[in-house]
């Protein structure tokens, strides 16, 4: 079998071939001829014939495809002339459209600039309001601030400024009171220390006088012992007894005084710690009282969110969104209120 295509290119009319009917006829003819052979793959010659027939089918495909490519290439070459003129028309008319539309374009750009300028001024106004309120310790959402008129904002600023000044006054009075209490405590402790030092000085004076008295007495006893001679040993023993008793008594007195000193120091330390705790408690109480208005405002603010009226929606999916949002608002409100209570 000759290894040629199942179709001859010269016999194909492109105008007929590249139509549904023409193509179907040629393909049917090729298939009819290809299927008319009954080759078997059981022997070598049969396998060669099948390979040759498959090649002829492939060559038929190449002939038809190449014929189509040649026609399309010619169409593309001819279409370039139209494409050049189309581009010329597009470029000219696009430029003409821009020229005709330029007044409108300029007007739109100016309107956009004016709108942007107005928005910028409004943002600066809101930012200035936020800064003014923050300077007096007031924090309000930007949405609420934006909704205020100038008169409403001025009135709000005056109120929070007055409240801020009142809080500062209370805090200043608390600081002055705390400082006065601290000075009074220091003066009291200084007086107590002076009294304790005077007592110690008196005790030291008494001790020295006693020592001097003992010295004089010892000298007298020594003189008498020298004079008495035989009685010296008895006097010495008596003196040792007296000295021992006096020493023991003095030791007891010293121990008592040391115990009193330690007790006084302990009392002083405990009293100082007690006063310090009381002062801290007073300061915390004042701080909490000063913070109470802010806490109440924050709680009211949170309640304003939880008290919002939900939209009346009918769709089940929309209703789920409303329920989900309300639960999130409530959960967040509980967390914020907990933080407020811990202030």
C-alpha atoms as a PDB file:
ATOM      1  CA  UNK A   1       0.000   0.000   0.000  1.00  0.00           C
ATOM      2  CA  UNK A   2       1.418   3.406  -1.027  1.00  0.00           C
ATOM      3  CA  UNK A   3       2.169   5.731   1.920  1.00  0.00           C
ATOM      4  CA  UNK A   4       0.167   8.705   0.641  1.00  0.00           C
ATOM      5  CA  UNK A   5      -2.741  10.666   2.087  1.00  0.00           C
ATOM      6  CA  UNK A   6      -6.311   9.493   1.764  1.00  0.00           C
ATOM      7  CA  UNK A   7      -7.149  12.840   0.138  1.00  0.00           C
ATOM      8  CA  UNK A   8      -5.504  14.898  -2.626  1.00  0.00           C
ATOM      9  CA  UNK A   9      -5.009  18.614  -1.903  1.00  0.00           C
ATOM     10  CA  UNK A  10      -5.510  19.679  -5.513  1.00  0.00           C
ATOM     11  CA  UNK A  11      -8.940  18.061  -5.539  1.00  0.00           C
ATOM     12  CA  UNK A  12     -10.139  20.091  -2.548  1.00  0.00           C
ATOM     13  CA  UNK A  13     -12.097  23.325  -3.092  1.00  0.00           C
ATOM     14  CA  UNK A  14     -11.496  25.534  -0.019  1.00  0.00           C
ATOM     15  CA  UNK A  15     -14.769  27.401  -0.554  1.00  0.00           C
ATOM     16  CA  UNK A  16     -16.656  24.071  -0.272  1.00  0.00           C
ATOM     17  CA  UNK A  17     -14.342  22.245   2.142  1.00  0.00           C
ATOM     18  CA  UNK A  18     -14.520  24.816   4.961  1.00  0.00           C
ATOM     19  CA  UNK A  19     -18.262  24.569   5.373  1.00  0.00           C
ATOM     20  CA  UNK A  20     -20.146  22.183   7.611  1.00  0.00           C
ATOM     21  CA  UNK A  21     -21.487  20.137   4.708  1.00  0.00           C
ATOM     22  CA  UNK A  22     -18.255  20.177   2.705  1.00  0.00           C
ATOM     23  CA  UNK A  23     -16.062  19.197   5.663  1.00  0.00           C
ATOM     24  CA  UNK A  24     -18.461  16.453   6.776  1.00  0.00           C
ATOM     25  CA  UNK A  25     -18.414  14.959   3.244  1.00  0.00           C
ATOM     26  CA  UNK A  26     -14.601  14.894   3.006  1.00  0.00           C
ATOM     27  CA  UNK A  27     -14.173  13.460   6.509  1.00  0.00           C
ATOM     28  CA  UNK A  28     -16.797  10.783   5.804  1.00  0.00           C
ATOM     29  CA  UNK A  29     -14.997   9.842   2.577  1.00  0.00           C
ATOM     30  CA  UNK A  30     -11.655   9.572   4.381  1.00  0.00           C
ATOM     31  CA  UNK A  31     -13.179   7.421   7.136  1.00  0.00           C
ATOM     32  CA  UNK A  32     -14.952   5.183   4.589  1.00  0.00           C
ATOM     33  CA  UNK A  33     -11.728   4.493   2.736  1.00  0.00           C
ATOM     34  CA  UNK A  34      -9.707   3.968   5.944  1.00  0.00           C
ATOM     35  CA  UNK A  35     -12.246   1.509   7.362  1.00  0.00           C
ATOM     36  CA  UNK A  36     -12.470  -0.409   4.070  1.00  0.00           C
ATOM     37  CA  UNK A  37      -9.162  -2.121   4.836  1.00  0.00           C
ATOM     38  CA  UNK A  38      -9.270  -5.234   6.971  1.00  0.00           C
ATOM     39  CA  UNK A  39      -5.762  -5.574   8.362  1.00  0.00           C
ATOM     40  CA  UNK A  40      -4.779  -7.823  11.254  1.00  0.00           C
ATOM     41  CA  UNK A  41      -2.112  -7.279  13.874  1.00  0.00           C
ATOM     42  CA  UNK A  42      -1.419 -11.009  14.157  1.00  0.00           C
ATOM     43  CA  UNK A  43       1.407 -10.968  11.563  1.00  0.00           C
ATOM     44  CA  UNK A  44       4.223  -8.558  10.718  1.00  0.00           C
ATOM     45  CA  UNK A  45       2.819  -7.492   7.348  1.00  0.00           C
ATOM     46  CA  UNK A  46      -0.529  -6.718   8.889  1.00  0.00           C
ATOM     47  CA  UNK A  47       1.102  -4.559  11.552  1.00  0.00           C
ATOM     48  CA  UNK A  48       3.049  -2.673   8.841  1.00  0.00           C
ATOM     49  CA  UNK A  49      -0.159  -2.096   6.829  1.00  0.00           C
ATOM     50  CA  UNK A  50      -1.934  -0.721   9.913  1.00  0.00           C
ATOM     51  CA  UNK A  51       1.009   1.658  10.572  1.00  0.00           C
ATOM     52  CA  UNK A  52       0.951   2.822   6.958  1.00  0.00           C
ATOM     53  CA  UNK A  53      -2.810   3.403   7.011  1.00  0.00           C
ATOM     54  CA  UNK A  54      -2.521   5.440  10.225  1.00  0.00           C
ATOM     55  CA  UNK A  55       0.193   7.541   8.578  1.00  0.00           C
ATOM     56  CA  UNK A  56      -2.058   8.196   5.569  1.00  0.00           C
ATOM     57  CA  UNK A  57      -4.840   9.369   7.914  1.00  0.00           C
ATOM     58  CA  UNK A  58      -2.352  11.712   9.656  1.00  0.00           C
ATOM     59  CA  UNK A  59      -1.158  13.045   6.301  1.00  0.00           C
ATOM     60  CA  UNK A  60      -4.784  13.735   5.338  1.00  0.00           C
ATOM     61  CA  UNK A  61      -5.151  15.772   8.536  1.00  0.00           C
ATOM     62  CA  UNK A  62      -1.981  17.725   7.711  1.00  0.00           C
ATOM     63  CA  UNK A  63      -3.165  18.515   4.158  1.00  0.00           C
ATOM     64  CA  UNK A  64      -6.538  19.842   5.348  1.00  0.00           C
ATOM     65  CA  UNK A  65      -4.948  21.804   8.193  1.00  0.00           C
ATOM     66  CA  UNK A  66      -2.226  23.338   5.975  1.00  0.00           C
ATOM     67  CA  UNK A  67      -4.848  24.359   3.405  1.00  0.00           C
ATOM     68  CA  UNK A  68      -6.783  26.127   6.151  1.00  0.00           C
ATOM     69  CA  UNK A  69      -3.610  27.813   7.461  1.00  0.00           C
ATOM     70  CA  UNK A  70      -2.781  29.161   4.024  1.00  0.00           C
ATOM     71  CA  UNK A  71      -6.252  30.644   3.660  1.00  0.00           C
ATOM     72  CA  UNK A  72      -6.153  32.184   7.155  1.00  0.00           C
ATOM     73  CA  UNK A  73      -2.658  33.629   6.522  1.00  0.00           C
ATOM     74  CA  UNK A  74      -3.938  35.363   3.399  1.00  0.00           C
ATOM     75  CA  UNK A  75      -6.910  36.688   5.332  1.00  0.00           C
ATOM     76  CA  UNK A  76      -4.569  38.031   8.046  1.00  0.00           C
ATOM     77  CA  UNK A  77      -2.362  39.743   5.450  1.00  0.00           C
ATOM     78  CA  UNK A  78      -5.380  41.410   3.922  1.00  0.00           C
ATOM     79  CA  UNK A  79      -6.827  42.321   7.325  1.00  0.00           C
ATOM     80  CA  UNK A  80      -3.694  44.330   8.248  1.00  0.00           C
ATOM     81  CA  UNK A  81      -4.727  47.012   5.758  1.00  0.00           C
ATOM     82  CA  UNK A  82      -8.080  47.334   7.540  1.00  0.00           C
ATOM     83  CA  UNK A  83      -6.408  47.255  10.988  1.00  0.00           C
ATOM     84  CA  UNK A  84      -4.198  50.271  10.100  1.00  0.00           C
ATOM     85  CA  UNK A  85      -7.211  52.323   9.078  1.00  0.00           C
ATOM     86  CA  UNK A  86      -9.219  51.125  12.080  1.00  0.00           C
ATOM     87  CA  UNK A  87      -6.419  52.243  14.428  1.00  0.00           C
ATOM     88  CA  UNK A  88      -6.215  55.598  12.664  1.00  0.00           C
ATOM     89  CA  UNK A  89      -9.957  56.106  13.130  1.00  0.00           C
ATOM     90  CA  UNK A  90      -9.848  54.965  16.789  1.00  0.00           C
ATOM     91  CA  UNK A  91      -6.945  57.282  17.680  1.00  0.00           C
ATOM     92  CA  UNK A  92      -8.492  60.276  15.924  1.00  0.00           C
ATOM     93  CA  UNK A  93     -11.944  59.800  17.419  1.00  0.00           C
ATOM     94  CA  UNK A  94     -10.560  59.078  20.920  1.00  0.00           C
ATOM     95  CA  UNK A  95      -8.638  62.370  20.775  1.00  0.00           C
ATOM     96  CA  UNK A  96     -11.735  64.167  19.463  1.00  0.00           C
ATOM     97  CA  UNK A  97     -13.845  62.667  22.291  1.00  0.00           C
ATOM     98  CA  UNK A  98     -11.321  63.910  24.900  1.00  0.00           C
ATOM     99  CA  UNK A  99     -11.309  67.370  23.268  1.00  0.00           C
ATOM    100  CA  UNK A 100     -15.112  67.563  23.216  1.00  0.00           C
ATOM    101  CA  UNK A 101     -15.383  66.238  26.780  1.00  0.00           C
ATOM    102  CA  UNK A 102     -12.586  68.436  28.214  1.00  0.00           C
ATOM    103  CA  UNK A 103     -14.904  71.130  29.731  1.00  0.00           C
ATOM    104  CA  UNK A 104     -16.873  68.410  31.533  1.00  0.00           C
ATOM    105  CA  UNK A 105     -13.648  66.689  32.639  1.00  0.00           C
ATOM    106  CA  UNK A 106     -12.287  69.965  34.033  1.00  0.00           C
ATOM    107  CA  UNK A 107     -15.603  70.642  35.801  1.00  0.00           C
ATOM    108  CA  UNK A 108     -15.636  67.152  37.352  1.00  0.00           C
ATOM    109  CA  UNK A 109     -12.031  67.512  38.503  1.00  0.00           C
ATOM    110  CA  UNK A 110     -12.853  70.875  40.129  1.00  0.00           C
ATOM    111  CA  UNK A 111     -15.920  69.399  41.829  1.00  0.00           C
ATOM    112  CA  UNK A 112     -13.810  66.491  43.106  1.00  0.00           C
ATOM    113  CA  UNK A 113     -11.194  68.944  44.401  1.00  0.00           C
ATOM    114  CA  UNK A 114     -13.841  71.060  46.150  1.00  0.00           C
ATOM    115  CA  UNK A 115     -15.403  67.963  47.695  1.00  0.00           C
ATOM    116  CA  UNK A 116     -11.999  66.702  48.874  1.00  0.00           C
ATOM    117  CA  UNK A 117     -11.220  70.134  50.335  1.00  0.00           C
ATOM    118  CA  UNK A 118     -14.553  70.184  52.156  1.00  0.00           C
ATOM    119  CA  UNK A 119     -13.951  66.662  53.490  1.00  0.00           C
ATOM    120  CA  UNK A 120     -10.444  67.673  54.591  1.00  0.00           C
ATOM    121  CA  UNK A 121     -11.787  70.717  56.483  1.00  0.00           C
ATOM    122  CA  UNK A 122     -14.454  68.538  58.100  1.00  0.00           C
ATOM    123  CA  UNK A 123     -11.834  65.947  59.156  1.00  0.00           C
ATOM    124  CA  UNK A 124      -9.634  68.669  60.624  1.00  0.00           C
ATOM    125  CA  UNK A 125     -12.638  70.053  62.493  1.00  0.00           C
ATOM    126  CA  UNK A 126     -13.489  66.626  63.954  1.00  0.00           C
ATOM    127  CA  UNK A 127      -9.813  65.969  64.820  1.00  0.00           C
ATOM    128  CA  UNK A 128      -9.639  69.334  66.600  1.00  0.00           C
ATOM    129  CA  UNK A 129     -12.783  68.451  68.569  1.00  0.00           C
ATOM    130  CA  UNK A 130     -11.332  65.075  69.585  1.00  0.00           C
ATOM    131  CA  UNK A 131      -8.063  66.700  70.721  1.00  0.00           C
ATOM    132  CA  UNK A 132      -9.932  69.404  72.679  1.00  0.00           C
ATOM    133  CA  UNK A 133     -12.029  66.797  74.506  1.00  0.00           C
ATOM    134  CA  UNK A 134      -9.035  64.516  75.120  1.00  0.00           C
ATOM    135  CA  UNK A 135      -7.164  67.397  76.778  1.00  0.00           C
ATOM    136  CA  UNK A 136      -9.864  67.511  79.470  1.00  0.00           C
ATOM    137  CA  UNK A 137     -10.014  63.719  79.855  1.00  0.00           C
ATOM    138  CA  UNK A 138     -13.136  63.097  77.749  1.00  0.00           C
ATOM    139  CA  UNK A 139     -13.238  60.364  75.087  1.00  0.00           C
ATOM    140  CA  UNK A 140     -16.223  60.268  72.700  1.00  0.00           C
ATOM    141  CA  UNK A 141     -16.679  58.274  69.515  1.00  0.00           C
ATOM    142  CA  UNK A 142     -15.940  60.130  66.291  1.00  0.00           C
ATOM    143  CA  UNK A 143     -19.442  59.313  64.976  1.00  0.00           C
ATOM    144  CA  UNK A 144     -21.052  61.108  67.939  1.00  0.00           C
ATOM    145  CA  UNK A 145     -18.668  64.066  67.624  1.00  0.00           C
ATOM    146  CA  UNK A 146     -19.400  64.375  63.892  1.00  0.00           C
ATOM    147  CA  UNK A 147     -23.128  64.494  64.585  1.00  0.00           C
ATOM    148  CA  UNK A 148     -22.744  67.487  66.953  1.00  0.00           C
ATOM    149  CA  UNK A 149     -23.448  71.025  65.823  1.00  0.00           C
ATOM    150  CA  UNK A 150     -20.931  73.737  66.761  1.00  0.00           C
ATOM    151  CA  UNK A 151     -23.196  74.940  69.595  1.00  0.00           C
ATOM    152  CA  UNK A 152     -23.664  71.395  70.898  1.00  0.00           C
ATOM    153  CA  UNK A 153     -19.939  70.787  70.815  1.00  0.00           C
ATOM    154  CA  UNK A 154     -19.150  74.091  72.575  1.00  0.00           C
ATOM    155  CA  UNK A 155     -21.701  73.244  75.276  1.00  0.00           C
ATOM    156  CA  UNK A 156     -20.270  69.703  75.664  1.00  0.00           C
ATOM    157  CA  UNK A 157     -16.704  71.032  75.836  1.00  0.00           C
ATOM    158  CA  UNK A 158     -17.699  73.581  78.483  1.00  0.00           C
ATOM    159  CA  UNK A 159     -19.350  70.872  80.616  1.00  0.00           C
ATOM    160  CA  UNK A 160     -16.467  68.371  80.445  1.00  0.00           C
ATOM    161  CA  UNK A 161     -13.936  71.175  80.992  1.00  0.00           C
ATOM    162  CA  UNK A 162     -15.780  72.208  84.147  1.00  0.00           C
ATOM    163  CA  UNK A 163     -15.896  68.593  85.323  1.00  0.00           C
ATOM    164  CA  UNK A 164     -12.196  68.153  84.523  1.00  0.00           C
ATOM    165  CA  UNK A 165     -11.282  71.294  86.488  1.00  0.00           C
ATOM    166  CA  UNK A 166     -13.412  70.096  89.427  1.00  0.00           C
ATOM    167  CA  UNK A 167     -11.628  66.721  89.415  1.00  0.00           C
ATOM    168  CA  UNK A 168      -8.255  68.460  89.322  1.00  0.00           C
ATOM    169  CA  UNK A 169      -9.339  70.668  92.231  1.00  0.00           C
ATOM    170  CA  UNK A 170     -10.408  67.637  94.278  1.00  0.00           C
ATOM    171  CA  UNK A 171      -7.172  65.821  93.472  1.00  0.00           C
ATOM    172  CA  UNK A 172      -5.158  68.920  94.456  1.00  0.00           C
ATOM    173  CA  UNK A 173      -7.037  69.188  97.759  1.00  0.00           C
ATOM    174  CA  UNK A 174      -6.417  65.492  98.368  1.00  0.00           C
ATOM    175  CA  UNK A 175      -2.699  65.938  97.711  1.00  0.00           C
ATOM    176  CA  UNK A 176      -2.568  68.941 100.049  1.00  0.00           C
ATOM    177  CA  UNK A 177      -4.418  66.996 102.756  1.00  0.00           C
ATOM    178  CA  UNK A 178      -2.119  64.011 102.332  1.00  0.00           C
ATOM    179  CA  UNK A 179       0.959  66.258 102.529  1.00  0.00           C
ATOM    180  CA  UNK A 180      -0.379  67.944 105.673  1.00  0.00           C
ATOM    181  CA  UNK A 181      -1.066  64.551 107.248  1.00  0.00           C
ATOM    182  CA  UNK A 182       2.416  63.384 106.330  1.00  0.00           C
ATOM    183  CA  UNK A 183       4.025  66.469 107.872  1.00  0.00           C
ATOM    184  CA  UNK A 184       1.923  66.105 111.006  1.00  0.00           C
ATOM    185  CA  UNK A 185       2.975  62.470 111.270  1.00  0.00           C
ATOM    186  CA  UNK A 186       6.626  63.395 110.837  1.00  0.00           C
ATOM    187  CA  UNK A 187       6.370  66.084 113.511  1.00  0.00           C
ATOM    188  CA  UNK A 188       4.686  63.649 115.891  1.00  0.00           C
ATOM    189  CA  UNK A 189       7.358  61.007 115.278  1.00  0.00           C
ATOM    190  CA  UNK A 190      10.082  63.623 115.799  1.00  0.00           C
ATOM    191  CA  UNK A 191       8.509  64.667 119.110  1.00  0.00           C
ATOM    192  CA  UNK A 192       8.258  61.047 120.201  1.00  0.00           C
ATOM    193  CA  UNK A 193      11.894  60.432 119.263  1.00  0.00           C
ATOM    194  CA  UNK A 194      12.940  63.570 121.180  1.00  0.00           C
ATOM    195  CA  UNK A 195      10.986  62.401 124.212  1.00  0.00           C
ATOM    196  CA  UNK A 196      12.557  58.954 123.958  1.00  0.00           C
ATOM    197  CA  UNK A 197      16.045  60.465 123.653  1.00  0.00           C
ATOM    198  CA  UNK A 198      15.404  62.672 126.700  1.00  0.00           C
ATOM    199  CA  UNK A 199      14.299  59.621 128.661  1.00  0.00           C
ATOM    200  CA  UNK A 200      17.409  57.742 127.623  1.00  0.00           C
ATOM    201  CA  UNK A 201      19.579  60.729 128.565  1.00  0.00           C
ATOM    202  CA  UNK A 202      17.930  60.852 132.002  1.00  0.00           C
ATOM    203  CA  UNK A 203      18.490  57.129 132.433  1.00  0.00           C
ATOM    204  CA  UNK A 204      22.148  57.568 131.444  1.00  0.00           C
ATOM    205  CA  UNK A 205      22.508  60.432 133.943  1.00  0.00           C
ATOM    206  CA  UNK A 206      20.963  58.308 136.698  1.00  0.00           C
ATOM    207  CA  UNK A 207      23.261  55.442 135.843  1.00  0.00           C
ATOM    208  CA  UNK A 208      26.359  57.649 135.987  1.00  0.00           C
ATOM    209  CA  UNK A 209      25.250  59.193 139.277  1.00  0.00           C
ATOM    210  CA  UNK A 210      24.743  55.726 140.649  1.00  0.00           C
ATOM    211  CA  UNK A 211      28.157  54.689 139.430  1.00  0.00           C
ATOM    212  CA  UNK A 212      29.682  57.761 141.073  1.00  0.00           C
ATOM    213  CA  UNK A 213      27.813  57.035 144.255  1.00  0.00           C
ATOM    214  CA  UNK A 214      29.008  53.436 144.121  1.00  0.00           C
ATOM    215  CA  UNK A 215      32.560  54.616 143.535  1.00  0.00           C
ATOM    216  CA  UNK A 216      32.449  56.940 146.537  1.00  0.00           C
ATOM    217  CA  UNK A 217      30.917  54.224 148.581  1.00  0.00           C
ATOM    218  CA  UNK A 218      33.543  51.743 147.498  1.00  0.00           C
ATOM    219  CA  UNK A 219      36.309  54.182 148.392  1.00  0.00           C
ATOM    220  CA  UNK A 220      34.723  54.819 151.763  1.00  0.00           C
ATOM    221  CA  UNK A 221      34.379  51.130 152.361  1.00  0.00           C
ATOM    222  CA  UNK A 222      37.979  50.587 151.304  1.00  0.00           C
ATOM    223  CA  UNK A 223      39.111  53.269 153.730  1.00  0.00           C
ATOM    224  CA  UNK A 224      37.071  51.793 156.503  1.00  0.00           C
ATOM    225  CA  UNK A 225      38.376  48.338 155.616  1.00  0.00           C
ATOM    226  CA  UNK A 226      41.906  49.658 155.856  1.00  0.00           C
ATOM    227  CA  UNK A 227      41.164  51.164 159.203  1.00  0.00           C
ATOM    228  CA  UNK A 228      39.228  48.294 160.562  1.00  0.00           C
ATOM    229  CA  UNK A 229      41.781  45.704 159.527  1.00  0.00           C
ATOM    230  CA  UNK A 230      40.287  42.498 160.788  1.00  0.00           C
ATOM    231  CA  UNK A 231      36.861  43.441 159.551  1.00  0.00           C
ATOM    232  CA  UNK A 232      38.158  44.029 156.013  1.00  0.00           C
ATOM    233  CA  UNK A 233      37.381  40.531 154.735  1.00  0.00           C
ATOM    234  CA  UNK A 234      33.837  40.673 156.045  1.00  0.00           C
ATOM    235  CA  UNK A 235      33.369  44.119 154.567  1.00  0.00           C
ATOM    236  CA  UNK A 236      34.810  42.934 151.248  1.00  0.00           C
ATOM    237  CA  UNK A 237      32.465  40.024 151.131  1.00  0.00           C
ATOM    238  CA  UNK A 238      29.554  42.282 152.033  1.00  0.00           C
ATOM    239  CA  UNK A 239      30.628  44.748 149.383  1.00  0.00           C
ATOM    240  CA  UNK A 240      30.824  41.999 146.782  1.00  0.00           C
ATOM    241  CA  UNK A 241      27.342  40.911 147.689  1.00  0.00           C
ATOM    242  CA  UNK A 242      26.063  44.454 147.480  1.00  0.00           C
ATOM    243  CA  UNK A 243      27.845  44.980 144.151  1.00  0.00           C
ATOM    244  CA  UNK A 244      26.476  41.744 142.785  1.00  0.00           C
ATOM    245  CA  UNK A 245      22.959  42.634 143.788  1.00  0.00           C
ATOM    246  CA  UNK A 246      23.353  46.103 142.362  1.00  0.00           C
ATOM    247  CA  UNK A 247      24.807  44.616 139.152  1.00  0.00           C
ATOM    248  CA  UNK A 248      21.939  42.179 138.864  1.00  0.00           C
ATOM    249  CA  UNK A 249      19.461  44.931 139.593  1.00  0.00           C
ATOM    250  CA  UNK A 250      21.128  47.161 137.019  1.00  0.00           C
ATOM    251  CA  UNK A 251      21.134  44.300 134.520  1.00  0.00           C
ATOM    252  CA  UNK A 252      17.436  43.797 135.130  1.00  0.00           C
ATOM    253  CA  UNK A 253      16.863  47.532 134.763  1.00  0.00           C
ATOM    254  CA  UNK A 254      18.877  47.600 131.543  1.00  0.00           C
ATOM    255  CA  UNK A 255      16.915  44.615 130.243  1.00  0.00           C
ATOM    256  CA  UNK A 256      13.673  46.339 131.198  1.00  0.00           C
ATOM    257  CA  UNK A 257      14.731  49.545 129.496  1.00  0.00           C
ATOM    258  CA  UNK A 258      15.838  47.620 126.382  1.00  0.00           C
ATOM    259  CA  UNK A 259      12.483  45.835 126.331  1.00  0.00           C
ATOM    260  CA  UNK A 260      10.725  49.191 126.664  1.00  0.00           C
ATOM    261  CA  UNK A 261      12.886  50.600 123.857  1.00  0.00           C
ATOM    262  CA  UNK A 262      12.099  47.672 121.577  1.00  0.00           C
ATOM    263  CA  UNK A 263       8.420  47.930 122.476  1.00  0.00           C
ATOM    264  CA  UNK A 264       8.479  51.660 121.750  1.00  0.00           C
ATOM    265  CA  UNK A 265      10.200  51.066 118.404  1.00  0.00           C
ATOM    266  CA  UNK A 266       7.686  48.319 117.569  1.00  0.00           C
ATOM    267  CA  UNK A 267       4.800  50.598 118.506  1.00  0.00           C
ATOM    268  CA  UNK A 268       6.311  53.406 116.466  1.00  0.00           C
ATOM    269  CA  UNK A 269       6.815  51.125 113.472  1.00  0.00           C
ATOM    270  CA  UNK A 270       3.325  49.610 113.694  1.00  0.00           C
ATOM    271  CA  UNK A 271       1.769  53.035 114.164  1.00  0.00           C
ATOM    272  CA  UNK A 272       3.682  54.371 111.169  1.00  0.00           C
ATOM    273  CA  UNK A 273       2.597  51.424 109.034  1.00  0.00           C
ATOM    274  CA  UNK A 274      -0.994  51.856 110.218  1.00  0.00           C
ATOM    275  CA  UNK A 275      -0.969  55.546 109.358  1.00  0.00           C
ATOM    276  CA  UNK A 276       0.605  54.791 105.994  1.00  0.00           C
ATOM    277  CA  UNK A 277      -2.104  52.197 105.257  1.00  0.00           C
ATOM    278  CA  UNK A 278      -4.788  54.668 106.334  1.00  0.00           C
ATOM    279  CA  UNK A 279      -3.248  57.343 104.130  1.00  0.00           C
ATOM    280  CA  UNK A 280      -3.144  54.958 101.148  1.00  0.00           C
ATOM    281  CA  UNK A 281      -6.750  53.924 101.808  1.00  0.00           C
ATOM    282  CA  UNK A 282      -7.789  57.601 101.963  1.00  0.00           C
ATOM    283  CA  UNK A 283      -5.921  58.343  98.713  1.00  0.00           C
ATOM    284  CA  UNK A 284      -7.542  55.352  96.995  1.00  0.00           C
ATOM    285  CA  UNK A 285     -10.967  56.410  98.294  1.00  0.00           C
ATOM    286  CA  UNK A 286     -10.464  59.929  96.942  1.00  0.00           C
ATOM    287  CA  UNK A 287      -9.271  58.526  93.628  1.00  0.00           C
ATOM    288  CA  UNK A 288     -12.280  56.233  93.369  1.00  0.00           C
ATOM    289  CA  UNK A 289     -14.649  59.091  94.232  1.00  0.00           C
ATOM    290  CA  UNK A 290     -12.995  61.279  91.583  1.00  0.00           C
ATOM    291  CA  UNK A 291     -13.150  58.415  89.077  1.00  0.00           C
ATOM    292  CA  UNK A 292     -16.812  57.626  89.790  1.00  0.00           C
ATOM    293  CA  UNK A 293     -18.288  60.150  87.262  1.00  0.00           C
ATOM    294  CA  UNK A 294     -16.093  58.734  84.485  1.00  0.00           C
ATOM    295  CA  UNK A 295     -17.101  55.190  85.426  1.00  0.00           C
ATOM    296  CA  UNK A 296     -20.773  56.135  85.345  1.00  0.00           C
ATOM    297  CA  UNK A 297     -20.336  57.825  81.970  1.00  0.00           C
ATOM    298  CA  UNK A 298     -18.505  54.798  80.566  1.00  0.00           C
ATOM    299  CA  UNK A 299     -21.204  52.418  81.837  1.00  0.00           C
ATOM    300  CA  UNK A 300     -23.944  54.645  80.368  1.00  0.00           C
ATOM    301  CA  UNK A 301     -22.031  54.735  77.115  1.00  0.00           C
ATOM    302  CA  UNK A 302     -21.813  50.934  76.985  1.00  0.00           C
ATOM    303  CA  UNK A 303     -25.522  50.647  77.816  1.00  0.00           C
ATOM    304  CA  UNK A 304     -26.281  52.957  74.900  1.00  0.00           C
ATOM    305  CA  UNK A 305     -24.850  50.264  72.608  1.00  0.00           C
ATOM    306  CA  UNK A 306     -26.599  47.332  74.277  1.00  0.00           C
ATOM    307  CA  UNK A 307     -29.875  49.264  74.256  1.00  0.00           C
ATOM    308  CA  UNK A 308     -29.877  49.892  70.501  1.00  0.00           C
ATOM    309  CA  UNK A 309     -33.069  48.827  68.717  1.00  0.00           C
ATOM    310  CA  UNK A 310     -32.400  45.983  66.280  1.00  0.00           C
ATOM    311  CA  UNK A 311     -33.643  46.314  62.682  1.00  0.00           C
ATOM    312  CA  UNK A 312     -36.869  44.497  61.813  1.00  0.00           C
ATOM    313  CA  UNK A 313     -35.647  41.979  59.227  1.00  0.00           C
ATOM    314  CA  UNK A 314     -37.689  39.086  57.824  1.00  0.00           C
ATOM    315  CA  UNK A 315     -35.046  36.904  56.143  1.00  0.00           C
ATOM    316  CA  UNK A 316     -33.787  34.063  58.378  1.00  0.00           C
ATOM    317  CA  UNK A 317     -30.145  34.678  57.433  1.00  0.00           C
ATOM    318  CA  UNK A 318     -30.531  38.388  58.213  1.00  0.00           C
ATOM    319  CA  UNK A 319     -32.151  37.525  61.542  1.00  0.00           C
ATOM    320  CA  UNK A 320     -29.191  35.257  62.388  1.00  0.00           C
ATOM    321  CA  UNK A 321     -26.841  38.178  61.695  1.00  0.00           C
ATOM    322  CA  UNK A 322     -28.897  40.422  64.044  1.00  0.00           C
ATOM    323  CA  UNK A 323     -28.841  37.762  66.808  1.00  0.00           C
ATOM    324  CA  UNK A 324     -25.099  37.174  66.318  1.00  0.00           C
ATOM    325  CA  UNK A 325     -24.354  40.903  66.426  1.00  0.00           C
ATOM    326  CA  UNK A 326     -26.484  41.426  69.561  1.00  0.00           C
ATOM    327  CA  UNK A 327     -24.669  38.535  71.333  1.00  0.00           C
ATOM    328  CA  UNK A 328     -21.275  39.981  70.375  1.00  0.00           C
ATOM    329  CA  UNK A 329     -22.312  43.454  71.606  1.00  0.00           C
ATOM    330  CA  UNK A 330     -23.508  41.965  74.928  1.00  0.00           C
ATOM    331  CA  UNK A 331     -20.349  39.879  75.349  1.00  0.00           C
ATOM    332  CA  UNK A 332     -18.124  42.869  74.610  1.00  0.00           C
ATOM    333  CA  UNK A 333     -20.232  45.071  76.942  1.00  0.00           C
ATOM    334  CA  UNK A 334     -19.727  42.618  79.838  1.00  0.00           C
ATOM    335  CA  UNK A 335     -15.965  42.615  79.224  1.00  0.00           C
ATOM    336  CA  UNK A 336     -15.764  46.431  79.081  1.00  0.00           C
ATOM    337  CA  UNK A 337     -17.895  46.866  82.229  1.00  0.00           C
ATOM    338  CA  UNK A 338     -15.615  44.387  84.028  1.00  0.00           C
ATOM    339  CA  UNK A 339     -12.597  46.501  83.031  1.00  0.00           C
ATOM    340  CA  UNK A 340     -14.405  49.646  84.203  1.00  0.00           C
ATOM    341  CA  UNK A 341     -15.101  48.060  87.599  1.00  0.00           C
ATOM    342  CA  UNK A 342     -11.406  47.205  87.950  1.00  0.00           C
ATOM    343  CA  UNK A 343     -10.270  50.802  87.416  1.00  0.00           C
END
